[in-house]
Protein backbone atom coordinates (compact mmCIF):
# COMPACT_ATOMS: atom_id res chain seq x y z
CA MET A 1 0.00 0.00 0.00
CA ALA A 2 1.08 3.58 -0.65
CA LYS A 3 -0.46 6.98 -0.79
CA ILE A 4 -1.76 7.57 -4.30
CA THR A 5 -0.02 10.67 -5.60
CA LYS A 6 1.19 11.76 -9.03
CA ARG A 7 4.58 10.21 -8.27
CA THR A 8 2.95 6.89 -7.32
CA VAL A 9 0.81 6.86 -10.45
CA ASP A 10 3.72 7.75 -12.77
CA ALA A 11 5.89 5.05 -11.18
CA ALA A 12 3.24 2.33 -11.69
CA LYS A 13 4.30 0.34 -14.76
CA PRO A 14 2.45 -2.48 -16.55
CA ASP A 15 3.80 -5.97 -15.88
CA GLY A 16 1.68 -8.14 -18.17
CA ARG A 17 -1.36 -8.35 -15.86
CA ASP A 18 -3.90 -6.10 -14.17
CA TYR A 19 -3.06 -5.10 -10.61
CA PHE A 20 -4.21 -2.65 -7.93
CA ILE A 21 -2.52 -0.11 -5.70
CA TRP A 22 -4.58 0.78 -2.63
CA ASP A 23 -4.27 4.11 -0.84
CA GLU A 24 -2.90 3.89 2.69
CA ASP A 25 -4.65 7.05 3.89
CA MET A 26 -8.11 6.42 2.44
CA PRO A 27 -9.23 2.75 2.74
CA GLY A 28 -11.18 1.68 -0.35
CA PHE A 29 -9.58 4.21 -2.71
CA GLY A 30 -7.29 2.65 -5.32
CA LEU A 31 -5.55 2.74 -8.68
CA ARG A 32 -5.98 -0.02 -11.24
CA VAL A 33 -3.09 -0.58 -13.63
CA PHE A 34 -4.09 -2.52 -16.74
CA ALA A 35 -1.78 -4.86 -18.62
CA SER A 36 -2.04 -2.44 -21.56
CA GLY A 37 -0.60 0.40 -19.45
CA LYS A 38 -3.91 2.22 -19.03
CA LYS A 39 -4.65 3.39 -15.46
CA SER A 40 -7.93 4.20 -13.74
CA TYR A 41 -9.06 5.30 -10.28
CA LEU A 42 -11.69 3.34 -8.37
CA ILE A 43 -13.23 2.63 -5.00
CA GLN A 44 -13.92 -0.76 -3.42
CA TYR A 45 -16.66 -1.17 -0.81
CA ARG A 46 -19.14 -3.65 0.68
CA ILE A 47 -22.92 -3.68 0.40
CA GLY A 48 -24.10 -6.32 2.83
CA ARG A 49 -21.95 -9.36 2.11
CA THR A 50 -21.13 -8.27 -1.44
CA THR A 51 -17.87 -6.53 -2.33
CA ARG A 52 -18.21 -4.10 -5.23
CA ARG A 53 -15.93 -1.87 -7.22
CA PHE A 54 -16.85 1.45 -8.78
CA THR A 55 -14.63 3.06 -11.44
CA ILE A 56 -14.15 6.78 -10.98
CA GLY A 57 -12.37 7.41 -14.28
CA LEU A 58 -9.16 7.13 -16.26
CA HIS A 59 -5.93 8.75 -15.17
CA GLY A 60 -5.59 11.82 -17.36
CA LYS A 61 -9.26 12.58 -17.17
CA TYR A 62 -8.76 12.84 -13.40
CA THR A 63 -5.65 13.89 -11.50
CA PRO A 64 -4.81 11.91 -8.33
CA GLU A 65 -6.10 14.79 -6.21
CA GLU A 66 -9.39 15.06 -8.14
CA ALA A 67 -9.88 11.29 -7.95
CA ARG A 68 -9.21 11.36 -4.18
CA THR A 69 -11.85 14.06 -3.68
CA ARG A 70 -14.36 12.14 -5.77
CA ALA A 71 -13.54 8.89 -3.93
CA GLY A 72 -14.14 10.57 -0.58
CA LYS A 73 -17.61 11.69 -1.60
CA LEU A 74 -18.51 8.26 -3.00
CA LEU A 75 -17.28 6.41 0.09
CA GLN A 76 -19.30 8.78 2.25
CA SER A 77 -22.41 7.98 0.19
CA VAL A 78 -21.74 4.27 0.79
CA ALA A 79 -21.61 5.01 4.52
CA ASP A 80 -25.01 6.72 4.12
CA GLY A 81 -26.45 3.55 2.55
CA ILE A 82 -26.19 4.49 -1.14
CA ASP A 83 -24.73 2.01 -3.62
CA PRO A 84 -22.82 4.01 -6.32
CA ALA A 85 -22.61 1.04 -8.70
CA GLY A 86 -26.32 0.35 -8.43
CA GLN A 87 -27.15 4.03 -8.91
CA ARG A 88 -24.94 4.20 -12.00
CA LYS A 89 -26.70 1.15 -13.42
CA ASP A 90 -30.09 2.82 -12.93
CA ASP A 91 -28.81 6.06 -14.47
CA ARG A 92 -27.45 4.23 -17.51
CA ALA A 93 -30.71 2.40 -18.01
CA ALA A 94 -32.40 5.78 -18.43
CA LEU A 95 -29.87 7.17 -20.92
CA THR A 96 -31.27 8.72 -24.08
CA ILE A 97 -29.82 7.96 -27.51
CA ALA A 98 -28.16 11.40 -27.50
CA GLU A 99 -26.52 10.68 -24.12
CA LEU A 100 -25.42 7.25 -25.31
CA ALA A 101 -23.92 8.93 -28.37
CA ASP A 102 -21.82 11.17 -26.11
CA LEU A 103 -20.48 8.07 -24.34
CA TYR A 104 -19.82 6.26 -27.61
CA LEU A 105 -17.98 9.15 -29.26
CA GLY A 106 -16.04 9.98 -26.08
CA PRO A 107 -13.14 8.27 -24.29
CA ASP A 108 -15.29 5.27 -23.28
CA GLY A 109 -16.11 4.41 -26.89
CA ARG A 110 -12.52 4.79 -28.02
CA ALA A 111 -11.33 2.61 -25.14
CA ALA A 112 -13.81 -0.09 -26.23
CA LYS A 113 -12.50 0.05 -29.83
CA PRO A 114 -8.75 0.82 -29.57
CA THR A 115 -7.97 -0.24 -33.16
CA LYS A 116 -10.61 1.96 -34.79
CA LYS A 117 -9.08 4.78 -36.85
CA GLU A 118 -9.63 8.43 -35.95
CA SER A 119 -10.98 9.09 -39.45
CA SER A 120 -13.66 6.45 -38.80
CA TRP A 121 -14.58 8.14 -35.51
CA VAL A 122 -14.92 11.45 -37.37
CA THR A 123 -17.25 9.81 -39.91
CA ASP A 124 -19.30 8.19 -37.13
CA GLY A 125 -19.59 11.54 -35.36
CA ARG A 126 -20.91 13.27 -38.46
CA VAL A 127 -23.43 10.51 -39.13
CA ILE A 128 -24.65 10.46 -35.53
CA HIS A 129 -24.99 14.24 -35.18
CA ARG A 130 -26.56 14.75 -38.62
CA HIS A 131 -28.94 11.78 -38.73
CA VAL A 132 -29.21 9.71 -35.54
CA ILE A 133 -29.67 12.47 -32.95
CA PRO A 134 -32.19 14.52 -35.01
CA LEU A 135 -34.47 11.48 -35.43
CA LEU A 136 -33.85 9.40 -32.29
CA GLY A 137 -31.84 11.57 -29.88
CA LYS A 138 -34.62 12.14 -27.32
CA LYS A 139 -35.72 8.50 -27.08
CA VAL A 140 -34.60 6.47 -24.06
CA ALA A 141 -32.05 4.02 -25.44
CA LYS A 142 -33.51 0.91 -23.79
CA SER A 143 -36.95 1.70 -25.26
CA VAL A 144 -35.78 1.70 -28.91
CA THR A 145 -37.27 -1.15 -30.94
CA SER A 146 -36.55 -2.76 -34.30
CA ASN A 147 -39.50 -0.83 -35.72
CA ASP A 148 -37.82 2.39 -34.60
CA ILE A 149 -34.64 1.38 -36.44
CA GLU A 150 -36.61 0.54 -39.59
CA ARG A 151 -38.43 3.87 -39.46
CA PHE A 152 -35.10 5.62 -38.87
CA GLN A 153 -33.58 4.08 -42.01
CA ALA A 154 -36.68 4.95 -44.03
CA GLY A 155 -36.61 8.53 -42.70
CA VAL A 156 -33.00 9.11 -43.70
CA THR A 157 -33.69 7.49 -47.07
CA ASN A 158 -36.58 9.90 -47.68
CA GLY A 159 -34.51 12.96 -46.73
CA GLU A 160 -36.02 13.75 -43.33
CA THR A 161 -32.56 14.78 -42.06
CA ALA A 162 -31.56 16.80 -45.15
CA MET A 163 -30.13 20.20 -44.25
CA GLU A 164 -27.33 22.67 -44.89
CA GLU A 165 -24.67 22.90 -42.20
CA LYS A 166 -22.11 25.67 -41.74
CA THR A 167 -18.62 24.14 -41.40
CA GLY A 168 -16.42 27.21 -41.12
CA PHE A 169 -16.07 30.89 -41.92
CA ARG A 170 -17.09 30.30 -45.54
CA GLY A 171 -17.69 26.57 -45.67
CA ARG A 172 -20.95 24.69 -45.62
CA ALA A 173 -21.99 21.07 -45.90
CA ILE A 174 -25.11 19.96 -47.74
CA VAL A 175 -26.52 17.01 -45.80
CA LYS A 176 -28.60 14.73 -47.99
CA GLY A 177 -30.52 11.54 -47.48
CA GLY A 178 -30.77 8.59 -49.82
CA LYS A 179 -30.42 4.84 -49.67
CA SER A 180 -26.65 4.69 -49.25
CA VAL A 181 -26.53 7.38 -46.55
CA ALA A 182 -29.39 5.69 -44.68
CA ARG A 183 -27.64 2.33 -44.86
CA LEU A 184 -24.43 3.79 -43.41
CA ALA A 185 -26.35 5.66 -40.69
CA THR A 186 -28.14 2.45 -39.67
CA VAL A 187 -24.86 0.53 -39.49
CA VAL A 188 -23.29 3.25 -37.31
CA LEU A 189 -26.39 3.33 -35.09
CA GLY A 190 -26.20 -0.46 -34.71
CA ALA A 191 -22.55 -0.26 -33.65
CA MET A 192 -23.41 2.41 -31.07
CA LEU A 193 -26.24 0.30 -29.67
CA GLN A 194 -23.92 -2.70 -29.44
CA PHE A 195 -21.57 -0.54 -27.37
CA GLY A 196 -24.59 0.27 -25.20
CA ILE A 197 -24.97 -3.43 -24.40
CA LYS A 198 -21.37 -3.57 -23.13
CA ARG A 199 -22.03 -0.52 -20.97
CA GLY A 200 -25.19 -2.02 -19.46
CA VAL A 201 -27.53 0.48 -21.13
CA LEU A 202 -29.32 -2.16 -23.24
CA SER A 203 -29.90 -5.86 -22.92
CA ALA A 204 -30.26 -6.47 -26.67
CA ASN A 205 -29.46 -4.67 -29.92
CA PRO A 206 -32.68 -3.69 -31.76
CA ALA A 207 -30.69 -3.01 -34.95
CA LYS A 208 -29.85 -6.70 -35.32
CA GLY A 209 -32.03 -8.36 -37.92
CA VAL A 210 -33.11 -5.07 -39.53
CA GLU A 211 -32.83 -5.41 -43.31
CA LEU A 212 -30.45 -2.78 -44.65
CA ASN A 213 -30.97 -0.81 -47.84
CA VAL A 214 -29.35 -2.36 -50.87
CA ASN A 215 -26.28 -0.38 -51.87
CA ASP A 216 -26.65 1.54 -55.12
CA LYS A 217 -24.25 0.26 -57.77
CA ARG A 218 -22.29 3.45 -58.31
CA GLU A 219 -19.06 2.07 -59.74
CA ARG A 220 -18.19 3.76 -63.01
CA PHE A 221 -15.35 2.48 -65.18
CA LEU A 222 -13.68 4.81 -67.66
CA SER A 223 -12.97 3.72 -71.21
CA GLU A 224 -9.62 4.41 -72.91
CA ARG A 225 -11.31 7.15 -74.94
CA GLU A 226 -12.57 8.82 -71.74
CA VAL A 227 -9.14 8.58 -70.11
CA ALA A 228 -7.64 10.29 -73.17
CA ALA A 229 -10.35 12.98 -73.00
CA ILE A 230 -9.53 13.70 -69.35
CA ALA A 231 -5.80 13.93 -70.10
CA GLU A 232 -6.43 16.31 -72.99
CA GLY A 233 -8.93 18.35 -70.97
CA MET A 234 -6.46 18.83 -68.12
CA LEU A 235 -3.80 20.10 -70.55
CA ILE A 236 -6.24 22.65 -71.95
CA LEU A 237 -7.37 23.76 -68.48
CA GLU A 238 -3.74 24.14 -67.38
CA GLY A 239 -3.03 26.26 -70.46
CA LEU A 240 -6.03 28.47 -69.72
CA GLY A 241 -4.92 28.93 -66.11
CA MET A 242 -8.05 27.18 -64.82
CA LEU A 243 -6.17 24.22 -63.30
CA HIS A 244 -3.08 24.39 -61.12
CA ARG A 245 -0.19 22.21 -62.27
CA THR A 246 0.14 20.51 -58.85
CA ILE A 247 -3.54 19.55 -58.83
CA ALA A 248 -3.25 18.20 -62.37
CA SER A 249 -0.27 16.09 -61.22
CA ALA A 250 -2.36 14.74 -58.34
CA ILE A 251 -5.17 13.67 -60.70
CA ARG A 252 -2.66 11.98 -63.04
CA LEU A 253 -1.12 10.10 -60.11
CA LEU A 254 -4.56 8.94 -59.00
CA MET A 255 -5.17 7.57 -62.48
CA VAL A 256 -1.91 5.59 -62.74
CA THR A 257 -1.61 4.31 -59.16
CA GLY A 258 -5.14 3.29 -58.15
CA CYS A 259 -4.61 5.05 -54.81
CA ARG A 260 -7.29 6.74 -52.77
CA LYS A 261 -7.58 10.53 -52.92
CA ASN A 262 -6.17 11.14 -49.43
CA GLU A 263 -3.27 8.74 -50.02
CA ILE A 264 -2.04 10.87 -52.92
CA ALA A 265 -2.96 14.28 -51.51
CA GLY A 266 -1.09 13.56 -48.26
CA LEU A 267 1.86 11.74 -49.81
CA LYS A 268 5.34 12.52 -48.42
CA TRP A 269 8.65 12.09 -50.23
CA ALA A 270 9.88 9.93 -47.35
CA TRP A 271 7.27 7.33 -48.33
CA VAL A 272 8.35 7.11 -51.99
CA ASP A 273 10.81 4.26 -52.58
CA PHE A 274 12.27 4.86 -56.04
CA GLU A 275 14.79 2.02 -55.68
CA ARG A 276 12.11 -0.65 -55.17
CA GLY A 277 9.44 1.17 -57.18
CA CYS A 278 6.73 1.52 -54.55
CA LEU A 279 5.01 3.76 -52.03
CA ARG A 280 5.38 2.77 -48.37
CA LEU A 281 2.33 4.30 -46.74
CA PRO A 282 2.51 4.17 -42.92
CA ASP A 283 -1.25 4.49 -42.69
CA SER A 284 -4.29 4.22 -44.94
CA LYS A 285 -7.94 3.23 -44.71
CA THR A 286 -6.82 -0.39 -44.24
CA GLY A 287 -3.64 0.33 -42.26
CA ALA A 288 -0.01 0.44 -43.36
CA LYS A 289 0.50 -0.81 -46.92
CA VAL A 290 2.93 -0.94 -49.83
CA VAL A 291 1.70 0.31 -53.22
CA PRO A 292 3.63 -1.00 -56.24
CA LEU A 293 4.32 1.69 -58.83
CA ALA A 294 4.33 1.31 -62.61
CA ALA A 295 7.08 2.93 -64.67
CA ALA A 296 4.68 5.71 -65.71
CA ALA A 297 3.93 6.57 -62.07
CA LEU A 298 7.63 6.54 -61.14
CA LYS A 299 8.42 8.92 -64.00
CA MET A 300 5.64 11.30 -62.93
CA LEU A 301 7.01 11.35 -59.39
CA ALA A 302 10.60 11.78 -60.54
CA ASP A 303 9.60 14.78 -62.68
CA LEU A 304 7.94 16.60 -59.76
CA PRO A 305 9.97 19.35 -58.02
CA ARG A 306 10.87 18.79 -54.36
CA LYS A 307 9.72 21.94 -52.57
CA SER A 308 8.85 20.48 -49.16
CA GLU A 309 8.30 17.18 -47.36
CA TRP A 310 5.03 16.85 -49.30
CA VAL A 311 5.07 15.39 -52.79
CA LEU A 312 2.17 17.68 -53.68
CA PRO A 313 2.47 20.80 -51.49
CA ALA A 314 -0.43 23.20 -51.02
CA THR A 315 -0.82 25.77 -53.78
CA THR A 316 -1.04 28.47 -51.08
CA GLY A 317 0.25 28.26 -47.51
CA ASP A 318 1.76 25.26 -45.76
CA GLY A 319 0.83 21.60 -45.73
CA HIS A 320 -0.22 19.31 -48.54
CA ILE A 321 -2.52 19.98 -51.46
CA VAL A 322 -6.24 20.45 -50.84
CA GLY A 323 -9.23 21.13 -53.08
CA LEU A 324 -8.94 18.06 -55.31
CA GLN A 325 -12.70 17.49 -55.28
CA ARG A 326 -13.49 21.01 -56.46
CA ALA A 327 -10.85 20.80 -59.19
CA TRP A 328 -12.18 17.41 -60.29
CA GLU A 329 -15.67 18.86 -60.68
CA THR A 330 -14.23 21.44 -63.08
CA ILE A 331 -12.35 18.75 -65.04
CA ARG A 332 -15.27 16.37 -65.40
CA GLU A 333 -17.65 19.16 -66.42
CA TRP A 334 -15.17 20.35 -69.07
CA CYS A 335 -14.84 16.78 -70.40
CA GLY A 336 -18.59 16.05 -70.31
CA LEU A 337 -18.23 13.35 -67.64
CA GLU A 338 -20.36 14.91 -64.88
CA GLU A 339 -21.41 11.51 -63.48
CA VAL A 340 -17.82 10.33 -62.90
CA ARG A 341 -16.61 10.64 -59.30
CA ILE A 342 -12.97 11.13 -58.37
CA HIS A 343 -13.05 7.72 -56.64
CA ASP A 344 -14.01 6.19 -59.99
CA LEU A 345 -10.41 6.78 -61.09
CA ARG A 346 -9.46 4.05 -58.62
CA HIS A 347 -12.22 1.79 -59.96
CA SER A 348 -11.00 2.44 -63.50
CA PHE A 349 -7.42 1.51 -62.62
CA ALA A 350 -8.72 -1.82 -61.33
CA SER A 351 -10.98 -2.30 -64.35
CA PHE A 352 -8.07 -1.90 -66.78
CA ALA A 353 -6.09 -4.45 -64.75
CA ALA A 354 -9.01 -6.89 -64.80
CA ALA A 355 -9.62 -6.40 -68.52
CA ASP A 356 -5.94 -7.15 -69.11
CA GLY A 357 -6.35 -10.54 -67.46
CA ALA A 358 -5.03 -9.84 -63.95
CA SER A 359 -6.45 -12.06 -61.21
CA LEU A 360 -8.79 -10.57 -58.61
CA TYR A 361 -6.33 -11.63 -55.90
CA LEU A 362 -3.52 -9.60 -57.43
CA ILE A 363 -5.79 -6.61 -58.12
CA GLY A 364 -6.81 -6.66 -54.48
CA LYS A 365 -3.16 -6.73 -53.41
CA VAL A 366 -2.32 -3.70 -55.57
CA LEU A 367 -5.31 -1.73 -54.29
CA GLY A 368 -4.72 -2.73 -50.69
CA HIS A 369 -8.03 -4.54 -50.18
CA THR A 370 -8.15 -6.58 -46.96
CA GLN A 371 -11.29 -8.52 -47.92
CA THR A 372 -11.77 -10.46 -51.16
CA ARG A 373 -15.41 -9.41 -51.51
CA THR A 374 -14.23 -5.81 -51.97
CA THR A 375 -12.41 -6.86 -55.15
CA GLU A 376 -15.21 -9.07 -56.46
CA LYS A 377 -16.97 -6.05 -58.00
CA TYR A 378 -14.40 -6.28 -60.84
CA ALA A 379 -15.05 -9.98 -61.54
CA HIS A 380 -17.32 -9.34 -64.52
CA LEU A 381 -14.53 -7.39 -66.25
CA ASN A 382 -12.60 -10.63 -66.72
CA ASP A 383 -15.01 -11.56 -69.52
CA ASP A 384 -13.05 -9.61 -72.15
CA PRO A 385 -9.70 -11.43 -71.75
CA LEU A 386 -11.52 -14.77 -71.55
CA ARG A 387 -13.31 -13.98 -74.78
CA ALA A 388 -9.99 -13.03 -76.34
CA VAL A 389 -8.56 -16.45 -75.40
CA ALA A 390 -11.58 -18.15 -76.93
CA ASP A 391 -11.25 -16.04 -80.09
CA ARG A 392 -7.57 -16.93 -80.50
CA ALA A 393 -8.21 -20.66 -79.96
CA ALA A 394 -11.18 -20.72 -82.34
CA SER A 395 -9.18 -18.78 -84.94
CA ARG A 396 -6.40 -21.39 -84.94
CA ILE A 397 -8.88 -24.26 -85.16
CA ALA A 398 -10.75 -22.53 -87.99
CA THR A 399 -7.48 -21.98 -89.87
CA ALA A 400 -6.62 -25.67 -89.48
CA MET A 401 -10.05 -26.49 -90.87
CA GLY A 402 -9.42 -24.30 -93.87
CA ILE A 403 -11.95 -21.66 -92.82
CA ARG A 404 -10.78 -18.07 -92.98
CA GLU A 405 -12.28 -15.42 -90.73
CA GLY A 406 -15.12 -13.64 -92.45
CA ASP A 407 -15.80 -16.52 -94.85
CA LYS A 408 -19.28 -17.91 -95.07
CA PRO A 409 -19.83 -21.67 -95.33
CA SER A 410 -19.73 -22.57 -99.01
CA ALA A 411 -21.08 -26.09 -98.76
CA GLU A 412 -24.72 -26.94 -98.37
CA VAL A 413 -25.64 -28.14 -94.93
CA VAL A 414 -27.49 -31.46 -95.18
CA PRO A 415 -29.36 -32.74 -92.13
CA LEU A 416 -28.38 -36.25 -91.02
CA ARG A 417 -31.01 -38.97 -91.05
CA HIS A 418 -31.21 -41.19 -88.02
CA ARG A 419 -31.29 -44.91 -88.61
CA LYS A 420 -33.99 -46.90 -86.95
CA ARG A 421 -32.69 -49.48 -84.57
CA LYS A 422 -33.80 -53.06 -85.02
CA VAL A 423 -35.46 -54.45 -81.98
């Protein structure tokens, strides 16, 4: 036992297991040190014959002094006949969806999902604040039913949460509904409710079993003619001063690497391995990955000036390039391809690989897919190379038969007569 002070807490190191340090001045007040290195303050007390523990909070959220003050008040309430753990359970059972959202998006949610990326938390936050809270925020979480979840998905689909949101001094976000947005919102809501089960707020997840909207098939694959039109259009726009050279370089790199927009926009020279012909990205949507580079991509990178740590520095100010989406909208409108998204450049890279006969496994490796079903959307594009194989084989057989391509049969086709079998 030792007095729990900042020095005591800092000196407590993980040793491969969870352990406790109990305060010598305040019986029942303690520090829990997790095997992961995380530390939290707690109290331990008895209600009748039952020993219970109540977590005050993580170290960092509370200082040792703040935790000691809080522990003193809680232990006094125990002496007065109040069970803090039981009271917390009752309070949680009455949480609204909005209050559960605060827990989920806060430190508790992140602690429950330590491997989840910050970018995913940002997306979840936007979905929850723009769709979940407006439609379900005031409902008590434990009272939500499967019918509520179904109505929620239908409401987002029909645009009940559509709005315009100010995002900065001059920025604004247009929040729309639709089938895909509603599907994503329902998935995020389901994950939040599942977290609620772990926290004792719910006994079951009402989102389980709810039929999700079918994803719209939005993949668009560019033809060689369209790729040429984009390349020519960018040259014209550069010449007219309507497209910055750095942004044009970013679009070209997207087209020849199959990378995601943020992977190219935030690319650093330190991650470009010219010797082995690849990009070594320390982080991406699917984690760290290596992107193999074709000769064309390597030449584009080699021709770029090195002005900072960023391969594509911002056109004004510090940092990396921004505004690719706005520039892409100008390019596609100029080229008459308004329905083509910037992410379709990645789809098109994969489609050319598939049409050239590459296996789905290898395409997935190049794109950095972690699940095979993500790559299966390109399966139908393998038809062209298969047909080419059949054409070549049939051509050789036809030549051996003395039939030239384009010739029509010169002999009369006579139907065969079947002999009758003798019984």
